[in-house]
């Protein structure tokens, strides 16, 4: 069994945020399970990401104020490996 937690703080200066990378502070929680059957191994994982609400004004692009709310994602993984 595996589990994890990440508190990912945004590295961006709020004065220079734009649409190319509208990063915000994020919280991530993960869980996984690995199973071995002789030389065969199966690994499963799931992670939930929650991003903090963020607002910014891209004056350079002339688009005005923007708000990003309720951002998040589910991320899953599956791996099969075999030892020769």
PDB file of N, CA and C in Angstrom:
ATOM      1  N   UNK A   1       0.841  -1.188   0.000  1.00  0.00           N
ATOM      2  CA  UNK A   1       0.000   0.000   0.000  1.00  0.00           C
ATOM      3  C   UNK A   1       0.879   1.243   0.000  1.00  0.00           C
ATOM      4  N   UNK A   2       0.386   2.285  -0.656  1.00  0.00           N
ATOM      5  CA  UNK A   2       1.112   3.554  -0.712  1.00  0.00           C
ATOM      6  C   UNK A   2       0.140   4.698  -0.482  1.00  0.00           C
ATOM      7  N   UNK A   3       0.627   5.773   0.096  1.00  0.00           N
ATOM      8  CA  UNK A   3      -0.194   6.973   0.291  1.00  0.00           C
ATOM      9  C   UNK A   3       0.709   8.188   0.261  1.00  0.00           C
ATOM     10  N   UNK A   4       0.153   9.336  -0.113  1.00  0.00           N
ATOM     11  CA  UNK A   4       0.965  10.533  -0.154  1.00  0.00           C
ATOM     12  C   UNK A   4       0.138  11.794  -0.032  1.00  0.00           C
ATOM     13  N   UNK A   5       0.819  12.868   0.308  1.00  0.00           N
ATOM     14  CA  UNK A   5       0.198  14.188   0.413  1.00  0.00           C
ATOM     15  C   UNK A   5       1.200  15.233  -0.072  1.00  0.00           C
ATOM     16  N   UNK A   6       0.735  16.189  -0.862  1.00  0.00           N
ATOM     17  CA  UNK A   6       1.586  17.265  -1.356  1.00  0.00           C
ATOM     18  C   UNK A   6       0.896  18.596  -1.102  1.00  0.00           C
ATOM     19  N   UNK A   7       1.619  19.543  -0.558  1.00  0.00           N
ATOM     20  CA  UNK A   7       1.159  20.923  -0.429  1.00  0.00           C
ATOM     21  C   UNK A   7       2.035  21.725  -1.387  1.00  0.00           C
ATOM     22  N   UNK A   8       1.542  21.962  -2.601  1.00  0.00           N
ATOM     23  CA  UNK A   8       2.312  22.583  -3.669  1.00  0.00           C
ATOM     24  C   UNK A   8       1.991  24.070  -3.739  1.00  0.00           C
ATOM     25  N   UNK A   9       2.923  24.885  -3.267  1.00  0.00           N
ATOM     26  CA  UNK A   9       2.730  26.342  -3.270  1.00  0.00           C
ATOM     27  C   UNK A   9       3.131  26.901  -4.629  1.00  0.00           C
ATOM     28  N   UNK A  10       2.351  27.806  -5.158  1.00  0.00           N
ATOM     29  CA  UNK A  10       2.628  28.402  -6.458  1.00  0.00           C
ATOM     30  C   UNK A  10       3.927  29.211  -6.433  1.00  0.00           C
ATOM     31  N   UNK A  11       4.801  29.005  -7.420  1.00  0.00           N
ATOM     32  CA  UNK A  11       6.046  29.773  -7.475  1.00  0.00           C
ATOM     33  C   UNK A  11       5.887  31.119  -8.192  1.00  0.00           C
ATOM     34  N   UNK A  12       4.719  31.380  -8.740  1.00  0.00           N
ATOM     35  CA  UNK A  12       4.535  32.584  -9.539  1.00  0.00           C
ATOM     36  C   UNK A  12       4.354  33.835  -8.698  1.00  0.00           C
ATOM     37  N   UNK A  13       4.941  34.916  -9.178  1.00  0.00           N
ATOM     38  CA  UNK A  13       4.718  36.226  -8.594  1.00  0.00           C
ATOM     39  C   UNK A  13       3.319  36.674  -9.034  1.00  0.00           C
ATOM     40  N   UNK A  14       2.406  36.973  -8.109  1.00  0.00           N
ATOM     41  CA  UNK A  14       1.034  37.344  -8.475  1.00  0.00           C
ATOM     42  C   UNK A  14       0.947  38.541  -9.428  1.00  0.00           C
ATOM     43  N   UNK A  15       1.950  39.387  -9.450  1.00  0.00           N
ATOM     44  CA  UNK A  15       1.919  40.551 -10.333  1.00  0.00           C
ATOM     45  C   UNK A  15       2.148  40.184 -11.796  1.00  0.00           C
ATOM     46  N   UNK A  16       2.706  38.981 -12.051  1.00  0.00           N
ATOM     47  CA  UNK A  16       3.053  38.601 -13.412  1.00  0.00           C
ATOM     48  C   UNK A  16       2.351  37.329 -13.873  1.00  0.00           C
ATOM     49  N   UNK A  17       1.264  36.949 -13.260  1.00  0.00           N
ATOM     50  CA  UNK A  17       0.509  35.772 -13.662  1.00  0.00           C
ATOM     51  C   UNK A  17      -0.183  36.035 -14.988  1.00  0.00           C
ATOM     52  N   UNK A  18      -0.182  35.028 -15.869  1.00  0.00           N
ATOM     53  CA  UNK A  18      -0.912  35.173 -17.130  1.00  0.00           C
ATOM     54  C   UNK A  18      -1.580  33.852 -17.508  1.00  0.00           C
ATOM     55  N   UNK A  19      -2.191  33.810 -18.685  1.00  0.00           N
ATOM     56  CA  UNK A  19      -2.951  32.642 -19.120  1.00  0.00           C
ATOM     57  C   UNK A  19      -2.079  31.451 -19.496  1.00  0.00           C
ATOM     58  N   UNK A  20      -0.829  31.686 -19.790  1.00  0.00           N
ATOM     59  CA  UNK A  20       0.046  30.581 -20.189  1.00  0.00           C
ATOM     60  C   UNK A  20       0.267  29.586 -19.046  1.00  0.00           C
ATOM     61  N   UNK A  21       0.285  30.063 -17.819  1.00  0.00           N
ATOM     62  CA  UNK A  21       0.476  29.189 -16.669  1.00  0.00           C
ATOM     63  C   UNK A  21      -0.286  29.765 -15.474  1.00  0.00           C
ATOM     64  N   UNK A  22      -1.608  29.593 -15.464  1.00  0.00           N
ATOM     65  CA  UNK A  22      -2.398  30.164 -14.359  1.00  0.00           C
ATOM     66  C   UNK A  22      -2.325  29.295 -13.107  1.00  0.00           C
ATOM     67  N   UNK A  23      -1.118  29.065 -12.623  1.00  0.00           N
ATOM     68  CA  UNK A  23      -0.895  28.201 -11.474  1.00  0.00           C
ATOM     69  C   UNK A  23      -1.390  28.852 -10.184  1.00  0.00           C
ATOM     70  N   UNK A  24      -1.836  28.013  -9.283  1.00  0.00           N
ATOM     71  CA  UNK A  24      -2.225  28.487  -7.956  1.00  0.00           C
ATOM     72  C   UNK A  24      -1.748  27.454  -6.941  1.00  0.00           C
ATOM     73  N   UNK A  25      -1.933  27.728  -5.672  1.00  0.00           N
ATOM     74  CA  UNK A  25      -1.580  26.763  -4.640  1.00  0.00           C
ATOM     75  C   UNK A  25      -2.456  25.523  -4.831  1.00  0.00           C
ATOM     76  N   UNK A  26      -1.842  24.341  -4.629  1.00  0.00           N
ATOM     77  CA  UNK A  26      -2.581  23.096  -4.833  1.00  0.00           C
ATOM     78  C   UNK A  26      -2.365  22.142  -3.677  1.00  0.00           C
ATOM     79  N   UNK A  27      -3.362  21.326  -3.418  1.00  0.00           N
ATOM     80  CA  UNK A  27      -3.297  20.246  -2.443  1.00  0.00           C
ATOM     81  C   UNK A  27      -3.530  18.947  -3.222  1.00  0.00           C
ATOM     82  N   UNK A  28      -2.702  17.927  -2.970  1.00  0.00           N
ATOM     83  CA  UNK A  28      -2.837  16.657  -3.655  1.00  0.00           C
ATOM     84  C   UNK A  28      -2.797  15.523  -2.637  1.00  0.00           C
ATOM     85  N   UNK A  29      -3.683  14.558  -2.803  1.00  0.00           N
ATOM     86  CA  UNK A  29      -3.716  13.374  -1.955  1.00  0.00           C
ATOM     87  C   UNK A  29      -3.678  12.164  -2.882  1.00  0.00           C
ATOM     88  N   UNK A  30      -2.831  11.185  -2.562  1.00  0.00           N
ATOM     89  CA  UNK A  30      -2.700  10.026  -3.435  1.00  0.00           C
ATOM     90  C   UNK A  30      -2.766   8.728  -2.643  1.00  0.00           C
ATOM     91  N   UNK A  31      -3.129   7.658  -3.356  1.00  0.00           N
ATOM     92  CA  UNK A  31      -3.157   6.322  -2.772  1.00  0.00           C
ATOM     93  C   UNK A  31      -2.815   5.329  -3.877  1.00  0.00           C
ATOM     94  N   UNK A  32      -2.210   4.221  -3.491  1.00  0.00           N
ATOM     95  CA  UNK A  32      -1.854   3.219  -4.482  1.00  0.00           C
ATOM     96  C   UNK A  32      -1.743   1.844  -3.868  1.00  0.00           C
ATOM     97  N   UNK A  33      -1.714   0.870  -4.749  1.00  0.00           N
ATOM     98  CA  UNK A  33      -1.641  -0.524  -4.332  1.00  0.00           C
ATOM     99  C   UNK A  33      -0.754  -1.264  -5.318  1.00  0.00           C
ATOM    100  N   UNK A  34       0.175  -2.048  -4.814  1.00  0.00           N
ATOM    101  CA  UNK A  34       1.031  -2.874  -5.660  1.00  0.00           C
ATOM    102  C   UNK A  34       0.801  -4.336  -5.329  1.00  0.00           C
ATOM    103  N   UNK A  35       0.670  -5.139  -6.370  1.00  0.00           N
ATOM    104  CA  UNK A  35       0.461  -6.577  -6.201  1.00  0.00           C
ATOM    105  C   UNK A  35       1.527  -7.322  -6.986  1.00  0.00           C
ATOM    106  N   UNK A  36       2.131  -8.340  -6.384  1.00  0.00           N
ATOM    107  CA  UNK A  36       3.152  -9.139  -7.054  1.00  0.00           C
ATOM    108  C   UNK A  36       2.682 -10.582  -7.166  1.00  0.00           C
ATOM    109  N   UNK A  37       2.869 -11.142  -8.350  1.00  0.00           N
ATOM    110  CA  UNK A  37       2.529 -12.531  -8.635  1.00  0.00           C
ATOM    111  C   UNK A  37       3.750 -13.190  -9.266  1.00  0.00           C
ATOM    112  N   UNK A  38       4.691 -13.603  -8.443  1.00  0.00           N
ATOM    113  CA  UNK A  38       5.941 -14.151  -8.956  1.00  0.00           C
ATOM    114  C   UNK A  38       6.739 -13.055  -9.648  1.00  0.00           C
ATOM    115  N   UNK A  39       6.997 -13.228 -10.946  1.00  0.00           N
ATOM    116  CA  UNK A  39       7.755 -12.231 -11.709  1.00  0.00           C
ATOM    117  C   UNK A  39       6.882 -11.115 -12.275  1.00  0.00           C
ATOM    118  N   UNK A  40       5.588 -11.232 -12.127  1.00  0.00           N
ATOM    119  CA  UNK A  40       4.643 -10.233 -12.642  1.00  0.00           C
ATOM    120  C   UNK A  40       4.209  -9.307 -11.506  1.00  0.00           C
ATOM    121  N   UNK A  41       4.183  -8.005 -11.766  1.00  0.00           N
ATOM    122  CA  UNK A  41       3.740  -7.031 -10.758  1.00  0.00           C
ATOM    123  C   UNK A  41       2.718  -6.078 -11.389  1.00  0.00           C
ATOM    124  N   UNK A  42       1.689  -5.758 -10.626  1.00  0.00           N
ATOM    125  CA  UNK A  42       0.664  -4.799 -11.033  1.00  0.00           C
ATOM    126  C   UNK A  42       0.639  -3.671 -10.013  1.00  0.00           C
ATOM    127  N   UNK A  43       0.605  -2.438 -10.488  1.00  0.00           N
ATOM    128  CA  UNK A  43       0.543  -1.270  -9.606  1.00  0.00           C
ATOM    129  C   UNK A  43      -0.613  -0.380 -10.039  1.00  0.00           C
ATOM    130  N   UNK A  44      -1.416   0.038  -9.078  1.00  0.00           N
ATOM    131  CA  UNK A  44      -2.551   0.920  -9.316  1.00  0.00           C
ATOM    132  C   UNK A  44      -2.375   2.170  -8.458  1.00  0.00           C
ATOM    133  N   UNK A  45      -2.778   3.322  -8.986  1.00  0.00           N
ATOM    134  CA  UNK A  45      -2.684   4.548  -8.196  1.00  0.00           C
ATOM    135  C   UNK A  45      -3.816   5.505  -8.550  1.00  0.00           C
ATOM    136  N   UNK A  46      -4.151   6.366  -7.601  1.00  0.00           N
ATOM    137  CA  UNK A  46      -5.153   7.411  -7.800  1.00  0.00           C
ATOM    138  C   UNK A  46      -4.717   8.637  -7.015  1.00  0.00           C
ATOM    139  N   UNK A  47      -4.960   9.806  -7.596  1.00  0.00           N
ATOM    140  CA  UNK A  47      -4.603  11.049  -6.922  1.00  0.00           C
ATOM    141  C   UNK A  47      -5.710  12.073  -7.175  1.00  0.00           C
ATOM    142  N   UNK A  48      -6.008  12.848  -6.152  1.00  0.00           N
ATOM    143  CA  UNK A  48      -6.985  13.936  -6.254  1.00  0.00           C
ATOM    144  C   UNK A  48      -6.243  15.245  -6.064  1.00  0.00           C
ATOM    145  N   UNK A  49      -6.463  16.188  -6.983  1.00  0.00           N
ATOM    146  CA  UNK A  49      -5.830  17.500  -6.938  1.00  0.00           C
ATOM    147  C   UNK A  49      -6.901  18.560  -6.736  1.00  0.00           C
ATOM    148  N   UNK A  50      -6.680  19.443  -5.765  1.00  0.00           N
ATOM    149  CA  UNK A  50      -7.534  20.607  -5.538  1.00  0.00           C
ATOM    150  C   UNK A  50      -6.677  21.846  -5.716  1.00  0.00           C
ATOM    151  N   UNK A  51      -7.113  22.780  -6.558  1.00  0.00           N
ATOM    152  CA  UNK A  51      -6.376  24.028  -6.768  1.00  0.00           C
ATOM    153  C   UNK A  51      -7.149  25.174  -6.123  1.00  0.00           C
ATOM    154  N   UNK A  52      -6.417  26.073  -5.466  1.00  0.00           N
ATOM    155  CA  UNK A  52      -7.036  27.232  -4.818  1.00  0.00           C
ATOM    156  C   UNK A  52      -7.602  28.181  -5.875  1.00  0.00           C
ATOM    157  N   UNK A  53      -8.671  28.859  -5.530  1.00  0.00           N
ATOM    158  CA  UNK A  53      -9.241  29.873  -6.422  1.00  0.00           C
ATOM    159  C   UNK A  53      -8.199  30.960  -6.662  1.00  0.00           C
ATOM    160  N   UNK A  54      -8.244  31.530  -7.862  1.00  0.00           N
ATOM    161  CA  UNK A  54      -7.265  32.552  -8.199  1.00  0.00           C
ATOM    162  C   UNK A  54      -7.878  33.564  -9.155  1.00  0.00           C
ATOM    163  N   UNK A  55      -7.522  34.806  -8.976  1.00  0.00           N
ATOM    164  CA  UNK A  55      -7.958  35.846  -9.909  1.00  0.00           C
ATOM    165  C   UNK A  55      -6.740  36.662 -10.310  1.00  0.00           C
ATOM    166  N   UNK A  56      -6.743  37.118 -11.561  1.00  0.00           N
ATOM    167  CA  UNK A  56      -5.649  37.934 -12.054  1.00  0.00           C
ATOM    168  C   UNK A  56      -6.128  38.802 -13.201  1.00  0.00           C
ATOM    169  N   UNK A  57      -5.339  39.814 -13.497  1.00  0.00           N
ATOM    170  CA  UNK A  57      -5.671  40.756 -14.560  1.00  0.00           C
ATOM    171  C   UNK A  57      -4.500  40.783 -15.535  1.00  0.00           C
ATOM    172  N   UNK A  58      -4.748  40.322 -16.762  1.00  0.00           N
ATOM    173  CA  UNK A  58      -3.691  40.302 -17.763  1.00  0.00           C
ATOM    174  C   UNK A  58      -3.778  41.569 -18.591  1.00  0.00           C
ATOM    175  N   UNK A  59      -3.166  42.634 -18.087  1.00  0.00           N
ATOM    176  CA  UNK A  59      -3.225  43.932 -18.758  1.00  0.00           C
ATOM    177  C   UNK A  59      -2.481  43.921 -20.090  1.00  0.00           C
ATOM    178  N   UNK A  60      -1.430  43.108 -20.194  1.00  0.00           N
ATOM    179  CA  UNK A  60      -0.655  43.058 -21.432  1.00  0.00           C
ATOM    180  C   UNK A  60      -1.496  42.520 -22.585  1.00  0.00           C
ATOM    181  N   UNK A  61      -2.261  41.474 -22.335  1.00  0.00           N
ATOM    182  CA  UNK A  61      -3.105  40.887 -23.379  1.00  0.00           C
ATOM    183  C   UNK A  61      -4.386  41.686 -23.577  1.00  0.00           C
ATOM    184  N   UNK A  62      -4.688  42.578 -22.666  1.00  0.00           N
ATOM    185  CA  UNK A  62      -5.891  43.394 -22.777  1.00  0.00           C
ATOM    186  C   UNK A  62      -7.173  42.623 -22.560  1.00  0.00           C
ATOM    187  N   UNK A  63      -7.094  41.521 -21.830  1.00  0.00           N
ATOM    188  CA  UNK A  63      -8.274  40.676 -21.627  1.00  0.00           C
ATOM    189  C   UNK A  63      -9.040  41.005 -20.359  1.00  0.00           C
ATOM    190  N   UNK A  64      -8.468  41.811 -19.505  1.00  0.00           N
ATOM    191  CA  UNK A  64      -9.161  42.185 -18.283  1.00  0.00           C
ATOM    192  C   UNK A  64      -9.050  41.132 -17.206  1.00  0.00           C
ATOM    193  N   UNK A  65      -9.839  41.287 -16.138  1.00  0.00           N
ATOM    194  CA  UNK A  65      -9.744  40.377 -14.995  1.00  0.00           C
ATOM    195  C   UNK A  65     -10.277  38.973 -15.329  1.00  0.00           C
ATOM    196  N   UNK A  66      -9.658  37.983 -14.716  1.00  0.00           N
ATOM    197  CA  UNK A  66     -10.043  36.582 -14.902  1.00  0.00           C
ATOM    198  C   UNK A  66     -10.085  35.908 -13.547  1.00  0.00           C
ATOM    199  N   UNK A  67     -11.043  35.009 -13.369  1.00  0.00           N
ATOM    200  CA  UNK A  67     -11.130  34.222 -12.139  1.00  0.00           C
ATOM    201  C   UNK A  67     -11.115  32.750 -12.489  1.00  0.00           C
ATOM    202  N   UNK A  68     -10.339  31.991 -11.748  1.00  0.00           N
ATOM    203  CA  UNK A  68     -10.309  30.538 -11.883  1.00  0.00           C
ATOM    204  C   UNK A  68     -10.834  29.985 -10.567  1.00  0.00           C
ATOM    205  N   UNK A  69     -11.942  29.258 -10.621  1.00  0.00           N
ATOM    206  CA  UNK A  69     -12.559  28.722  -9.409  1.00  0.00           C
ATOM    207  C   UNK A  69     -12.878  27.241  -9.586  1.00  0.00           C
ATOM    208  N   UNK A  70     -12.963  26.543  -8.479  1.00  0.00           N
ATOM    209  CA  UNK A  70     -13.332  25.125  -8.453  1.00  0.00           C
ATOM    210  C   UNK A  70     -12.478  24.262  -9.370  1.00  0.00           C
ATOM    211  N   UNK A  71     -11.185  24.551  -9.462  1.00  0.00           N
ATOM    212  CA  UNK A  71     -10.289  23.771 -10.311  1.00  0.00           C
ATOM    213  C   UNK A  71      -9.812  22.532  -9.563  1.00  0.00           C
ATOM    214  N   UNK A  72      -9.762  21.428 -10.255  1.00  0.00           N
ATOM    215  CA  UNK A  72      -9.290  20.190  -9.655  1.00  0.00           C
ATOM    216  C   UNK A  72      -9.232  19.104 -10.706  1.00  0.00           C
ATOM    217  N   UNK A  73      -8.691  17.958 -10.310  1.00  0.00           N
ATOM    218  CA  UNK A  73      -8.580  16.846 -11.244  1.00  0.00           C
ATOM    219  C   UNK A  73      -8.436  15.532 -10.491  1.00  0.00           C
ATOM    220  N   UNK A  74      -8.876  14.469 -11.125  1.00  0.00           N
ATOM    221  CA  UNK A  74      -8.592  13.107 -10.691  1.00  0.00           C
ATOM    222  C   UNK A  74      -7.534  12.556 -11.636  1.00  0.00           C
ATOM    223  N   UNK A  75      -6.494  11.943 -11.096  1.00  0.00           N
ATOM    224  CA  UNK A  75      -5.405  11.408 -11.901  1.00  0.00           C
ATOM    225  C   UNK A  75      -5.204   9.947 -11.498  1.00  0.00           C
ATOM    226  N   UNK A  76      -5.227   9.063 -12.474  1.00  0.00           N
ATOM    227  CA  UNK A  76      -5.077   7.642 -12.183  1.00  0.00           C
ATOM    228  C   UNK A  76      -3.899   7.043 -12.917  1.00  0.00           C
ATOM    229  N   UNK A  77      -3.411   5.939 -12.404  1.00  0.00           N
ATOM    230  CA  UNK A  77      -2.298   5.267 -13.045  1.00  0.00           C
ATOM    231  C   UNK A  77      -2.388   3.762 -12.891  1.00  0.00           C
ATOM    232  N   UNK A  78      -1.820   3.069 -13.879  1.00  0.00           N
ATOM    233  CA  UNK A  78      -1.784   1.609 -13.864  1.00  0.00           C
ATOM    234  C   UNK A  78      -0.477   1.178 -14.526  1.00  0.00           C
ATOM    235  N   UNK A  79       0.221   0.252 -13.912  1.00  0.00           N
ATOM    236  CA  UNK A  79       1.497  -0.200 -14.434  1.00  0.00           C
ATOM    237  C   UNK A  79       1.580  -1.727 -14.339  1.00  0.00           C
ATOM    238  N   UNK A  80       2.115  -2.333 -15.398  1.00  0.00           N
ATOM    239  CA  UNK A  80       2.375  -3.776 -15.408  1.00  0.00           C
ATOM    240  C   UNK A  80       3.862  -3.952 -15.650  1.00  0.00           C
ATOM    241  N   UNK A  81       4.503  -4.776 -14.827  1.00  0.00           N
ATOM    242  CA  UNK A  81       5.917  -5.052 -15.048  1.00  0.00           C
ATOM    243  C   UNK A  81       6.188  -6.545 -14.895  1.00  0.00           C
ATOM    244  N   UNK A  82       7.215  -6.984 -15.597  1.00  0.00           N
ATOM    245  CA  UNK A  82       7.595  -8.387 -15.557  1.00  0.00           C
ATOM    246  C   UNK A  82       9.117  -8.503 -15.472  1.00  0.00           C
ATOM    247  N   UNK A  83       9.619  -9.324 -14.566  1.00  0.00           N
ATOM    248  CA  UNK A  83      11.056  -9.539 -14.406  1.00  0.00           C
ATOM    249  C   UNK A  83      11.481 -10.703 -15.286  1.00  0.00           C
ATOM    250  N   UNK A  84      12.471 -10.449 -16.143  1.00  0.00           N
ATOM    251  CA  UNK A  84      13.011 -11.509 -17.001  1.00  0.00           C
ATOM    252  C   UNK A  84      14.208 -12.157 -16.352  1.00  0.00           C
TER     253      UNK A  84
END
